[in-house]
Amino acid sequence: MAQVLSPEEIGDILDKPKKGSMREAFGETLVRLGSELKDIVVVGADTTGSIKTSLFGAKYPERFFNVGIAESNLVSVAAGLGIAGKIPFASTYAVFAPGKCVDQIRNAIAYPEVNMKLVASHAGISVGPDGASHQELEDIATMRAIPNMHVVIPSDPNSTSRLVEILARDKGPYYMRIARPDCPFIYSAAQASSIRKGGSMTVRDGSDATIIACGLLVYEALIAARKLATENSLNVRVIDMLSIKPIDEMAIIKAASATGGIVTAEEHNVIGGLGGAVAEIVVENYPVLMRRIGTQDTFGESGESGELMIKYGLTASNISAKILELKNLDRK
């Protein structure tokens, strides 16, 4: 795949970042699609203001349902709407769905392949002060292990909008994970329009190593790649793995073959998430040296988002250090 961003565009993203909200992009895109796709309905669980699905409710109140603090019921109601021929979007915080209702997701959505879209916000350590009980770090592993389930993770507001459109137009069960804090724009709307089902985006090309990241860690990966180029003369590829399941196997195999080493980066437990998914492809097709950035099989804690990302090693500095570790091993 050709590189999505030019060096000048990457420079602007890193030096003059413009931030936006994945949650607002989600809500606004639902409103836009709602006028065209009359079967879209939205189900919430008392977090509709926070996740911005209340925007859809204000525009289309007859297609908006708030079931209250009852996440298992959220999934079951959405399943019923999907069976009835609607395109249901159900949303709450990730710690509640999938966290509290895996049984309903497995048996009412995935097993019968219901056309239902579960969008979970406030995932990962960046939830910050809400603390360990609300920092969902296992959801990618949980959802990608369920048969028939698609798992996608946007990295900025424009990729969020594009993935919502893909979810609305494609058939079958989907899980989309979005973050709480505002984040830098990586793609223009035009660039994001090239995102395809099951695909990835090569945002920076390179031949010395590859960083495969998702969510908020894609921006950190770009910072790490520039740091490695400036300080170590390394040309590092950066891939935004927007789809975890199905995953872009060809992009992974090509990266392994062309660059010889891969570091994955995710705001999730290193067990079972993006790193595990990439390792499965690498070991079966083109074994190379790998390292995984993520939380190291631990719960989080209360703190400011930026402080926690540093403490748990989810930063550009950690990513670049792992790349250097790979290159040093490669020289031995």
Protein backbone atom coordinates (compact mmCIF):
# COMPACT_ATOMS: atom_id res chain seq x y z
CA MET A 1 0.00 0.00 0.00
CA ALA A 2 1.24 3.50 -0.82
CA GLN A 3 2.04 5.85 2.01
CA VAL A 4 -1.05 7.86 3.00
CA LEU A 5 0.67 10.98 4.34
CA SER A 6 3.45 13.03 2.81
CA PRO A 7 6.49 13.99 4.93
CA GLU A 8 5.16 17.57 4.98
CA GLU A 9 1.76 16.42 6.24
CA ILE A 10 3.37 14.30 8.96
CA GLY A 11 5.45 17.32 9.99
CA ASP A 12 2.34 19.47 10.29
CA ILE A 13 0.54 16.78 12.31
CA LEU A 14 3.40 16.54 14.79
CA ASP A 15 4.40 20.22 14.97
CA LYS A 16 0.97 21.85 14.70
CA PRO A 17 -1.49 19.23 15.94
CA LYS A 18 -5.20 19.97 15.66
CA LYS A 19 -7.31 18.04 18.12
CA GLY A 20 -10.84 16.75 18.03
CA SER A 21 -13.14 14.28 19.74
CA MET A 22 -13.82 10.72 18.58
CA ARG A 23 -17.06 10.82 20.56
CA GLU A 24 -18.29 13.94 18.80
CA ALA A 25 -17.29 12.48 15.44
CA PHE A 26 -19.31 9.37 16.28
CA GLY A 27 -22.41 11.31 17.26
CA GLU A 28 -22.26 13.74 14.37
CA THR A 29 -21.75 10.96 11.82
CA LEU A 30 -24.76 9.08 13.15
CA VAL A 31 -26.86 12.22 12.67
CA ARG A 32 -25.61 12.63 9.11
CA LEU A 33 -26.19 8.99 8.20
CA GLY A 34 -29.58 8.98 9.90
CA SER A 35 -31.12 11.14 7.17
CA GLU A 36 -30.01 8.68 4.48
CA LEU A 37 -30.31 5.34 6.23
CA LYS A 38 -33.77 5.40 7.78
CA ASP A 39 -33.27 2.05 9.50
CA ILE A 40 -30.52 3.34 11.79
CA VAL A 41 -31.64 3.31 15.42
CA VAL A 42 -29.57 4.19 18.48
CA VAL A 43 -29.71 2.54 21.89
CA GLY A 44 -27.99 4.04 24.93
CA ALA A 45 -27.41 3.11 28.56
CA ASP A 46 -27.52 6.44 30.42
CA THR A 47 -24.24 7.66 28.87
CA THR A 48 -25.79 9.20 25.77
CA GLY A 49 -24.70 12.74 26.64
CA SER A 50 -21.11 11.70 27.23
CA ILE A 51 -20.85 9.56 24.10
CA LYS A 52 -22.75 12.16 22.04
CA THR A 53 -25.47 9.82 20.79
CA SER A 54 -27.88 12.34 22.32
CA LEU A 55 -27.26 14.34 19.13
CA PHE A 56 -29.02 11.58 17.20
CA GLY A 57 -31.77 11.49 19.81
CA ALA A 58 -32.42 15.20 19.44
CA LYS A 59 -32.70 14.86 15.65
CA TYR A 60 -34.55 11.54 15.48
CA PRO A 61 -36.29 10.99 18.84
CA GLU A 62 -38.53 8.22 17.46
CA ARG A 63 -35.40 6.16 16.61
CA PHE A 64 -33.58 6.71 19.91
CA PHE A 65 -33.88 4.52 23.01
CA ASN A 66 -32.20 5.02 26.39
CA VAL A 67 -32.56 1.85 28.48
CA GLY A 68 -30.85 3.30 31.54
CA ILE A 69 -28.06 1.71 33.55
CA ALA A 70 -28.72 -1.78 32.20
CA GLU A 71 -25.99 -2.79 29.80
CA SER A 72 -27.09 -6.39 29.30
CA ASN A 73 -30.51 -5.07 28.36
CA LEU A 74 -28.82 -2.55 26.04
CA VAL A 75 -27.34 -5.41 24.04
CA SER A 76 -30.53 -7.49 24.09
CA VAL A 77 -32.72 -4.59 22.96
CA ALA A 78 -30.28 -3.78 20.17
CA ALA A 79 -30.27 -7.45 19.14
CA GLY A 80 -34.04 -7.42 18.87
CA LEU A 81 -33.97 -4.30 16.74
CA GLY A 82 -31.37 -5.89 14.48
CA ILE A 83 -33.46 -9.04 14.09
CA ALA A 84 -36.42 -6.79 13.19
CA GLY A 85 -34.45 -5.35 10.27
CA LYS A 86 -33.09 -2.17 11.79
CA ILE A 87 -29.44 -1.04 11.91
CA PRO A 88 -28.92 -0.67 15.65
CA PHE A 89 -25.99 1.24 17.15
CA ALA A 90 -25.65 0.50 20.87
CA SER A 91 -23.13 2.42 22.94
CA THR A 92 -21.82 2.87 26.45
CA TYR A 93 -18.42 2.75 28.16
CA ALA A 94 -16.13 -0.17 27.31
CA VAL A 95 -15.92 -1.33 30.92
CA PHE A 96 -19.70 -1.93 30.79
CA ALA A 97 -19.95 -3.30 27.25
CA PRO A 98 -18.30 -5.65 26.63
CA GLY A 99 -17.17 -5.65 30.27
CA LYS A 100 -20.51 -6.59 31.86
CA CYS A 101 -22.39 -8.34 29.07
CA VAL A 102 -20.21 -10.77 27.15
CA ASP A 103 -22.88 -13.47 27.43
CA GLN A 104 -25.48 -11.33 25.65
CA ILE A 105 -22.95 -10.22 23.02
CA ARG A 106 -21.91 -13.81 22.34
CA ASN A 107 -25.33 -15.44 22.27
CA ALA A 108 -27.71 -12.69 21.16
CA ILE A 109 -25.45 -10.90 18.67
CA ALA A 110 -22.48 -12.95 17.45
CA TYR A 111 -23.91 -16.47 17.38
CA PRO A 112 -26.93 -15.52 15.19
CA GLU A 113 -24.83 -12.92 13.31
CA VAL A 114 -27.21 -10.07 14.07
CA ASN A 115 -26.59 -6.83 12.21
CA MET A 116 -25.77 -4.85 15.36
CA LYS A 117 -23.01 -2.29 16.01
CA LEU A 118 -21.57 -1.93 19.52
CA VAL A 119 -19.55 1.26 19.98
CA ALA A 120 -17.69 1.52 23.28
CA SER A 121 -16.10 4.71 24.55
CA HIS A 122 -13.75 5.41 27.49
CA ALA A 123 -11.56 2.41 26.67
CA GLY A 124 -7.99 1.99 27.87
CA ILE A 125 -5.82 3.72 30.45
CA SER A 126 -6.57 7.20 29.06
CA VAL A 127 -9.85 7.23 31.01
CA GLY A 128 -7.52 8.62 33.68
CA PRO A 129 -9.03 9.63 37.03
CA ASP A 130 -11.88 7.11 36.76
CA GLY A 131 -9.31 4.54 37.89
CA ALA A 132 -8.68 0.84 37.45
CA SER A 133 -12.32 -0.23 37.80
CA HIS A 134 -13.23 1.81 34.71
CA GLN A 135 -10.08 1.34 32.62
CA GLU A 136 -11.04 -1.45 30.22
CA LEU A 137 -7.82 -3.10 29.06
CA GLU A 138 -9.15 -6.50 27.99
CA ASP A 139 -11.89 -5.66 25.49
CA ILE A 140 -9.94 -6.20 22.26
CA ALA A 141 -8.91 -9.67 23.39
CA THR A 142 -12.45 -10.49 24.49
CA MET A 143 -14.18 -9.31 21.35
CA ARG A 144 -11.77 -10.64 18.75
CA ALA A 145 -12.04 -14.11 20.28
CA ILE A 146 -15.81 -14.20 19.66
CA PRO A 147 -16.71 -15.83 16.31
CA ASN A 148 -18.41 -13.61 13.68
CA MET A 149 -17.42 -10.41 15.48
CA HIS A 150 -15.65 -7.59 13.63
CA VAL A 151 -13.35 -5.38 15.75
CA VAL A 152 -12.26 -1.91 14.63
CA ILE A 153 -10.35 0.92 16.34
CA PRO A 154 -10.13 4.45 14.90
CA SER A 155 -7.09 6.60 15.57
CA ASP A 156 -8.60 10.09 15.15
CA PRO A 157 -11.95 11.83 14.60
CA ASN A 158 -11.96 11.47 10.81
CA SER A 159 -11.16 7.76 10.90
CA THR A 160 -13.94 7.45 13.49
CA SER A 161 -16.42 9.00 11.07
CA ARG A 162 -15.31 6.75 8.24
CA LEU A 163 -15.54 3.59 10.33
CA VAL A 164 -19.03 4.52 11.54
CA GLU A 165 -20.07 4.76 7.90
CA ILE A 166 -18.55 1.34 7.17
CA LEU A 167 -20.37 -0.14 10.17
CA ALA A 168 -23.68 1.36 9.07
CA ARG A 169 -23.42 0.05 5.51
CA ASP A 170 -21.90 -3.38 6.18
CA LYS A 171 -23.86 -6.36 7.49
CA GLY A 172 -23.03 -8.22 10.66
CA PRO A 173 -21.92 -7.63 14.25
CA TYR A 174 -19.24 -5.00 14.92
CA TYR A 175 -17.36 -3.73 17.95
CA MET A 176 -15.76 -0.29 17.67
CA ARG A 177 -13.52 1.08 20.42
CA ILE A 178 -13.09 4.84 20.86
CA ALA A 179 -11.16 6.92 23.37
CA ARG A 180 -12.33 9.47 25.91
CA PRO A 181 -9.79 12.31 25.49
CA ASP A 182 -9.52 14.62 22.53
CA CYS A 183 -6.77 13.50 20.16
CA PRO A 184 -4.82 14.92 17.21
CA PHE A 185 -6.23 14.64 13.70
CA ILE A 186 -4.09 12.28 11.61
CA TYR A 187 -6.19 12.13 8.46
CA SER A 188 -8.11 14.68 6.45
CA ALA A 189 -11.68 13.68 5.63
CA ALA A 190 -10.54 12.87 2.08
CA GLN A 191 -7.71 10.66 3.30
CA ALA A 192 -9.99 8.86 5.74
CA SER A 193 -12.43 8.12 2.92
CA SER A 194 -9.92 5.58 1.57
CA ILE A 195 -10.25 3.40 4.69
CA ARG A 196 -11.76 0.05 3.73
CA LYS A 197 -13.31 -2.84 5.62
CA GLY A 198 -10.61 -5.04 7.11
CA GLY A 199 -7.88 -2.68 6.00
CA SER A 200 -5.01 -0.73 7.47
CA MET A 201 -3.33 2.57 6.57
CA THR A 202 0.41 2.89 6.01
CA VAL A 203 0.81 6.44 7.30
CA ARG A 204 4.60 6.45 7.02
CA ASP A 205 6.78 4.23 4.87
CA GLY A 206 10.12 2.81 5.94
CA SER A 207 12.54 -0.05 5.42
CA ASP A 208 14.43 -0.44 8.72
CA ALA A 209 11.59 -1.59 11.01
CA THR A 210 7.80 -1.29 11.37
CA ILE A 211 5.54 0.07 14.09
CA ILE A 212 2.00 -1.32 13.93
CA ALA A 213 -0.26 0.70 16.20
CA CYS A 214 -3.93 1.34 16.85
CA GLY A 215 -6.02 4.03 18.52
CA LEU A 216 -4.22 6.80 20.40
CA LEU A 217 -0.88 5.04 19.97
CA VAL A 218 -0.76 5.76 16.21
CA TYR A 219 0.15 9.39 16.95
CA GLU A 220 2.82 8.25 19.41
CA ALA A 221 4.14 5.90 16.73
CA LEU A 222 4.58 8.83 14.32
CA ILE A 223 6.48 10.77 16.98
CA ALA A 224 8.68 7.73 17.62
CA ALA A 225 9.39 7.28 13.91
CA ARG A 226 10.54 10.88 13.53
CA LYS A 227 12.70 10.60 16.65
CA LEU A 228 14.35 7.46 15.27
CA ALA A 229 14.96 9.15 11.92
CA THR A 230 16.46 12.26 13.50
CA GLU A 231 18.55 10.66 16.23
CA ASN A 232 19.39 7.24 14.81
CA SER A 233 19.05 7.57 11.01
CA LEU A 234 16.43 4.81 10.99
CA ASN A 235 13.63 4.84 8.43
CA VAL A 236 10.65 3.28 10.22
CA ARG A 237 7.32 2.31 8.70
CA VAL A 238 4.15 3.18 10.65
CA ILE A 239 0.94 1.22 10.03
CA ASP A 240 -2.41 2.21 11.53
CA MET A 241 -4.15 -1.13 12.08
CA LEU A 242 -7.72 0.17 12.09
CA SER A 243 -9.22 -3.30 11.81
CA ILE A 244 -8.15 -5.86 14.39
CA LYS A 245 -10.58 -8.48 13.09
CA PRO A 246 -10.42 -9.15 10.23
CA ILE A 247 -6.83 -7.99 10.28
CA ASP A 248 -4.82 -6.87 7.27
CA GLU A 249 -2.61 -9.94 6.96
CA MET A 250 -0.97 -8.82 3.73
CA ALA A 251 0.20 -5.51 5.23
CA ILE A 252 1.72 -7.37 8.19
CA ILE A 253 3.49 -9.95 6.03
CA LYS A 254 4.81 -7.26 3.68
CA ALA A 255 6.09 -5.23 6.65
CA ALA A 256 7.83 -8.27 8.13
CA SER A 257 9.44 -9.10 4.79
CA ALA A 258 10.46 -5.55 3.89
CA THR A 259 11.61 -4.24 7.27
CA GLY A 260 12.66 -7.30 9.26
CA GLY A 261 11.26 -6.29 12.65
CA ILE A 262 7.92 -5.18 14.14
CA VAL A 263 6.90 -3.31 17.28
CA THR A 264 3.19 -3.18 18.09
CA ALA A 265 1.67 -0.41 20.21
CA GLU A 266 -1.76 -0.37 21.81
CA GLU A 267 -3.63 1.04 24.79
CA HIS A 268 -4.55 -2.45 25.96
CA ASN A 269 -3.09 -5.46 27.71
CA VAL A 270 -0.29 -6.97 25.62
CA ILE A 271 -2.05 -10.32 26.06
CA GLY A 272 -4.64 -10.99 23.38
CA GLY A 273 -4.80 -7.57 21.76
CA LEU A 274 -3.22 -6.05 18.66
CA GLY A 275 0.22 -7.42 19.55
CA GLY A 276 -1.12 -10.93 19.88
CA ALA A 277 -3.05 -10.67 16.62
CA VAL A 278 0.03 -9.45 14.72
CA ALA A 279 2.24 -12.11 16.31
CA GLU A 280 -0.14 -14.83 15.14
CA ILE A 281 0.21 -13.66 11.53
CA VAL A 282 3.98 -13.20 11.76
CA VAL A 283 4.78 -16.56 13.32
CA GLU A 284 2.73 -18.48 10.75
CA ASN A 285 3.87 -16.58 7.67
CA TYR A 286 7.14 -14.66 8.03
CA PRO A 287 8.79 -14.90 11.46
CA VAL A 288 10.75 -11.80 12.46
CA LEU A 289 11.82 -10.16 15.71
CA MET A 290 8.87 -8.55 17.52
CA ARG A 291 8.20 -6.46 20.61
CA ARG A 292 4.83 -5.44 22.07
CA ILE A 293 4.00 -2.10 23.69
CA GLY A 294 0.92 -2.16 25.95
CA THR A 295 0.01 -2.61 29.57
CA GLN A 296 1.95 -5.54 30.94
CA ASP A 297 -0.84 -7.77 32.27
CA THR A 298 -1.75 -5.31 35.00
CA PHE A 299 -4.68 -3.16 36.06
CA GLY A 300 -4.38 0.61 35.90
CA GLU A 301 -4.92 3.23 38.58
CA SER A 302 -6.37 6.69 39.03
CA GLY A 303 -4.34 9.57 37.59
CA GLU A 304 -4.20 12.08 34.80
CA SER A 305 -4.30 10.51 31.35
CA GLY A 306 -0.89 11.75 30.23
CA GLU A 307 0.77 10.70 33.47
CA LEU A 308 -0.68 7.21 33.21
CA MET A 309 0.41 6.80 29.60
CA ILE A 310 3.96 7.59 30.73
CA LYS A 311 3.84 5.35 33.80
CA TYR A 312 2.53 2.36 31.87
CA GLY A 313 4.96 2.81 28.98
CA LEU A 314 2.51 3.88 26.27
CA THR A 315 4.59 6.67 24.76
CA ALA A 316 6.77 7.47 21.77
CA SER A 317 9.87 7.08 23.93
CA ASN A 318 8.96 3.50 24.81
CA ILE A 319 8.16 2.68 21.20
CA SER A 320 11.45 4.08 19.91
CA ALA A 321 13.36 2.23 22.64
CA LYS A 322 11.82 -1.06 21.52
CA ILE A 323 12.76 -0.38 17.91
CA LEU A 324 16.37 0.25 18.98
CA GLU A 325 16.28 -2.95 21.01
CA LEU A 326 15.20 -4.85 17.91
CA LYS A 327 17.92 -3.28 15.77
CA ASN A 328 20.60 -4.07 18.36
CA LEU A 329 19.43 -7.67 18.52
CA ASP A 330 19.45 -7.81 14.74
CA ARG A 331 23.13 -6.80 14.69
CA LYS A 332 24.22 -9.60 17.02
